[in-house]
């Protein structure tokens, strides 16, 4: 039974790392607001703070968290995540341009706003 619990804890931690694009357990610990060794302890003991993870990970499916079964996030959260993940690359590019050309930041911002407003109008 203990091996099954350890495998479950590792699966949950690795799945969270993958979802949030975190390369290390240390980064996952930062996201959750715990010390890095806490993640290792959770895995080695085969148990973790379900309530803490549920609070820190918006939209996470409580059943999945407890059992590893079903979808990781509720349908609504998955839909919102897909919507915003398509923005990650353009936002990163915009930030890069803001840093590279600080004197042009407002022009870039105005152009982004205009495009967003036009896209919103096309939806209607």
C-alpha atoms as a PDB file:
ATOM      1  CA  UNK A   1       0.000   0.000   0.000  1.00  0.00           C
ATOM      2  CA  UNK A   2       2.836   2.392   0.863  1.00  0.00           C
ATOM      3  CA  UNK A   3       4.394   1.968  -2.616  1.00  0.00           C
ATOM      4  CA  UNK A   4       1.036   2.829  -4.186  1.00  0.00           C
ATOM      5  CA  UNK A   5       0.787   5.993  -2.048  1.00  0.00           C
ATOM      6  CA  UNK A   6       4.325   7.024  -2.963  1.00  0.00           C
ATOM      7  CA  UNK A   7       3.574   6.474  -6.665  1.00  0.00           C
ATOM      8  CA  UNK A   8       0.379   8.528  -6.319  1.00  0.00           C
ATOM      9  CA  UNK A   9       2.172  11.410  -4.581  1.00  0.00           C
ATOM     10  CA  UNK A  10       4.923  11.394  -7.222  1.00  0.00           C
ATOM     11  CA  UNK A  11       2.313  11.289 -10.009  1.00  0.00           C
ATOM     12  CA  UNK A  12       0.465  14.290  -8.548  1.00  0.00           C
ATOM     13  CA  UNK A  13       3.661  16.317  -8.030  1.00  0.00           C
ATOM     14  CA  UNK A  14       4.993  15.467 -11.505  1.00  0.00           C
ATOM     15  CA  UNK A  15       1.626  16.250 -13.094  1.00  0.00           C
ATOM     16  CA  UNK A  16       1.506  19.631 -11.371  1.00  0.00           C
ATOM     17  CA  UNK A  17       5.064  20.387 -12.477  1.00  0.00           C
ATOM     18  CA  UNK A  18       4.168  19.468 -16.040  1.00  0.00           C
ATOM     19  CA  UNK A  19       0.973  21.498 -16.077  1.00  0.00           C
ATOM     20  CA  UNK A  20       2.661  24.636 -14.797  1.00  0.00           C
ATOM     21  CA  UNK A  21       5.808  24.118 -16.885  1.00  0.00           C
ATOM     22  CA  UNK A  22       8.064  23.811 -13.848  1.00  0.00           C
ATOM     23  CA  UNK A  23      11.354  21.987 -14.295  1.00  0.00           C
ATOM     24  CA  UNK A  24      12.057  21.257 -10.639  1.00  0.00           C
ATOM     25  CA  UNK A  25      10.307  20.352  -7.423  1.00  0.00           C
ATOM     26  CA  UNK A  26      11.861  23.515  -6.003  1.00  0.00           C
ATOM     27  CA  UNK A  27       9.830  25.611  -8.428  1.00  0.00           C
ATOM     28  CA  UNK A  28       6.704  23.643  -7.531  1.00  0.00           C
ATOM     29  CA  UNK A  29       7.443  24.323  -3.859  1.00  0.00           C
ATOM     30  CA  UNK A  30       7.661  28.069  -4.637  1.00  0.00           C
ATOM     31  CA  UNK A  31       4.311  27.930  -6.438  1.00  0.00           C
ATOM     32  CA  UNK A  32       2.699  26.175  -3.483  1.00  0.00           C
ATOM     33  CA  UNK A  33       4.404  28.366  -0.890  1.00  0.00           C
ATOM     34  CA  UNK A  34       6.226  25.545   0.888  1.00  0.00           C
ATOM     35  CA  UNK A  35       9.877  24.675   1.438  1.00  0.00           C
ATOM     36  CA  UNK A  36      11.582  22.608  -1.237  1.00  0.00           C
ATOM     37  CA  UNK A  37      12.134  19.648   1.085  1.00  0.00           C
ATOM     38  CA  UNK A  38       8.387  19.548   1.764  1.00  0.00           C
ATOM     39  CA  UNK A  39       7.747  18.189  -1.734  1.00  0.00           C
ATOM     40  CA  UNK A  40      10.390  15.489  -1.246  1.00  0.00           C
ATOM     41  CA  UNK A  41       8.883  14.605   2.129  1.00  0.00           C
ATOM     42  CA  UNK A  42       5.402  14.345   0.628  1.00  0.00           C
ATOM     43  CA  UNK A  43       6.669  11.966  -2.046  1.00  0.00           C
ATOM     44  CA  UNK A  44       8.711   9.806   0.326  1.00  0.00           C
ATOM     45  CA  UNK A  45       5.803   9.533   2.782  1.00  0.00           C
ATOM     46  CA  UNK A  46       3.244   8.986   0.046  1.00  0.00           C
ATOM     47  CA  UNK A  47       0.987  11.746   1.336  1.00  0.00           C
ATOM     48  CA  UNK A  48       0.624  15.455   0.710  1.00  0.00           C
ATOM     49  CA  UNK A  49      -1.411  18.447   1.821  1.00  0.00           C
ATOM     50  CA  UNK A  50      -4.478  18.095  -0.398  1.00  0.00           C
ATOM     51  CA  UNK A  51      -6.139  21.195   1.059  1.00  0.00           C
ATOM     52  CA  UNK A  52      -3.100  23.375   0.407  1.00  0.00           C
ATOM     53  CA  UNK A  53      -2.780  22.241  -3.201  1.00  0.00           C
ATOM     54  CA  UNK A  54      -6.514  22.652  -3.732  1.00  0.00           C
ATOM     55  CA  UNK A  55      -6.309  26.238  -2.472  1.00  0.00           C
ATOM     56  CA  UNK A  56      -3.184  27.151  -4.441  1.00  0.00           C
ATOM     57  CA  UNK A  57      -4.122  25.569  -7.801  1.00  0.00           C
ATOM     58  CA  UNK A  58      -7.227  27.323  -9.095  1.00  0.00           C
ATOM     59  CA  UNK A  59      -9.744  24.989 -10.669  1.00  0.00           C
ATOM     60  CA  UNK A  60      -7.981  21.757  -9.761  1.00  0.00           C
ATOM     61  CA  UNK A  61     -10.300  18.769  -9.644  1.00  0.00           C
ATOM     62  CA  UNK A  62     -10.486  17.589  -6.026  1.00  0.00           C
ATOM     63  CA  UNK A  63     -11.343  14.021  -7.094  1.00  0.00           C
ATOM     64  CA  UNK A  64      -8.254  13.890  -9.333  1.00  0.00           C
ATOM     65  CA  UNK A  65      -6.114  15.247  -6.529  1.00  0.00           C
ATOM     66  CA  UNK A  66      -7.306  12.551  -4.140  1.00  0.00           C
ATOM     67  CA  UNK A  67      -7.367   9.618  -6.566  1.00  0.00           C
ATOM     68  CA  UNK A  68      -5.395  10.542  -9.694  1.00  0.00           C
ATOM     69  CA  UNK A  69      -8.484   9.626 -11.712  1.00  0.00           C
ATOM     70  CA  UNK A  70     -10.406  11.802 -14.131  1.00  0.00           C
ATOM     71  CA  UNK A  71      -9.401  15.205 -15.407  1.00  0.00           C
ATOM     72  CA  UNK A  72      -6.741  17.200 -13.568  1.00  0.00           C
ATOM     73  CA  UNK A  73      -8.797  20.394 -13.747  1.00  0.00           C
ATOM     74  CA  UNK A  74     -12.502  21.066 -13.814  1.00  0.00           C
ATOM     75  CA  UNK A  75     -13.982  21.608 -17.278  1.00  0.00           C
ATOM     76  CA  UNK A  76     -14.282  25.348 -16.696  1.00  0.00           C
ATOM     77  CA  UNK A  77     -10.694  25.672 -15.488  1.00  0.00           C
ATOM     78  CA  UNK A  78      -9.406  23.630 -18.448  1.00  0.00           C
ATOM     79  CA  UNK A  79     -11.307  25.873 -20.851  1.00  0.00           C
ATOM     80  CA  UNK A  80      -9.914  29.026 -19.245  1.00  0.00           C
ATOM     81  CA  UNK A  81      -6.405  27.569 -19.214  1.00  0.00           C
ATOM     82  CA  UNK A  82      -6.575  26.776 -22.930  1.00  0.00           C
ATOM     83  CA  UNK A  83      -7.845  30.283 -23.629  1.00  0.00           C
ATOM     84  CA  UNK A  84      -4.983  31.933 -21.757  1.00  0.00           C
ATOM     85  CA  UNK A  85      -2.222  29.551 -22.813  1.00  0.00           C
ATOM     86  CA  UNK A  86      -2.603  30.840 -26.379  1.00  0.00           C
ATOM     87  CA  UNK A  87      -1.613  34.265 -25.035  1.00  0.00           C
ATOM     88  CA  UNK A  88       1.633  33.167 -23.383  1.00  0.00           C
ATOM     89  CA  UNK A  89       3.922  33.565 -26.385  1.00  0.00           C
ATOM     90  CA  UNK A  90       2.550  36.943 -27.564  1.00  0.00           C
ATOM     91  CA  UNK A  91       2.678  38.329 -24.025  1.00  0.00           C
ATOM     92  CA  UNK A  92       6.275  37.156 -23.596  1.00  0.00           C
ATOM     93  CA  UNK A  93       7.187  38.797 -26.904  1.00  0.00           C
ATOM     94  CA  UNK A  94       5.474  42.036 -25.866  1.00  0.00           C
ATOM     95  CA  UNK A  95       7.398  42.091 -22.567  1.00  0.00           C
ATOM     96  CA  UNK A  96      10.635  41.504 -24.439  1.00  0.00           C
ATOM     97  CA  UNK A  97       9.882  44.461 -26.720  1.00  0.00           C
ATOM     98  CA  UNK A  98       8.926  46.668 -23.763  1.00  0.00           C
ATOM     99  CA  UNK A  99      12.288  45.949 -22.156  1.00  0.00           C
ATOM    100  CA  UNK A 100      14.263  46.326 -25.369  1.00  0.00           C
ATOM    101  CA  UNK A 101      12.569  49.576 -26.422  1.00  0.00           C
ATOM    102  CA  UNK A 102      11.307  51.292 -23.252  1.00  0.00           C
ATOM    103  CA  UNK A 103      10.736  54.601 -25.033  1.00  0.00           C
ATOM    104  CA  UNK A 104       8.260  52.842 -27.377  1.00  0.00           C
ATOM    105  CA  UNK A 105       6.406  50.892 -24.666  1.00  0.00           C
ATOM    106  CA  UNK A 106       3.266  53.032 -24.839  1.00  0.00           C
ATOM    107  CA  UNK A 107       3.089  52.658 -28.620  1.00  0.00           C
ATOM    108  CA  UNK A 108       3.337  48.870 -28.292  1.00  0.00           C
ATOM    109  CA  UNK A 109       0.737  48.879 -25.530  1.00  0.00           C
ATOM    110  CA  UNK A 110      -1.685  50.973 -27.618  1.00  0.00           C
ATOM    111  CA  UNK A 111      -1.256  48.622 -30.587  1.00  0.00           C
ATOM    112  CA  UNK A 112      -1.902  45.572 -28.409  1.00  0.00           C
ATOM    113  CA  UNK A 113      -5.018  47.153 -26.918  1.00  0.00           C
ATOM    114  CA  UNK A 114      -6.332  48.062 -30.364  1.00  0.00           C
ATOM    115  CA  UNK A 115      -5.833  44.506 -31.622  1.00  0.00           C
ATOM    116  CA  UNK A 116      -7.528  43.053 -28.551  1.00  0.00           C
ATOM    117  CA  UNK A 117     -10.512  45.362 -28.976  1.00  0.00           C
ATOM    118  CA  UNK A 118     -10.796  44.483 -32.669  1.00  0.00           C
ATOM    119  CA  UNK A 119     -10.644  40.770 -31.863  1.00  0.00           C
ATOM    120  CA  UNK A 120     -13.382  41.226 -29.272  1.00  0.00           C
ATOM    121  CA  UNK A 121     -15.587  43.037 -31.816  1.00  0.00           C
ATOM    122  CA  UNK A 122     -15.106  40.227 -34.344  1.00  0.00           C
ATOM    123  CA  UNK A 123     -16.345  37.705 -31.772  1.00  0.00           C
ATOM    124  CA  UNK A 124     -19.697  39.486 -31.502  1.00  0.00           C
END
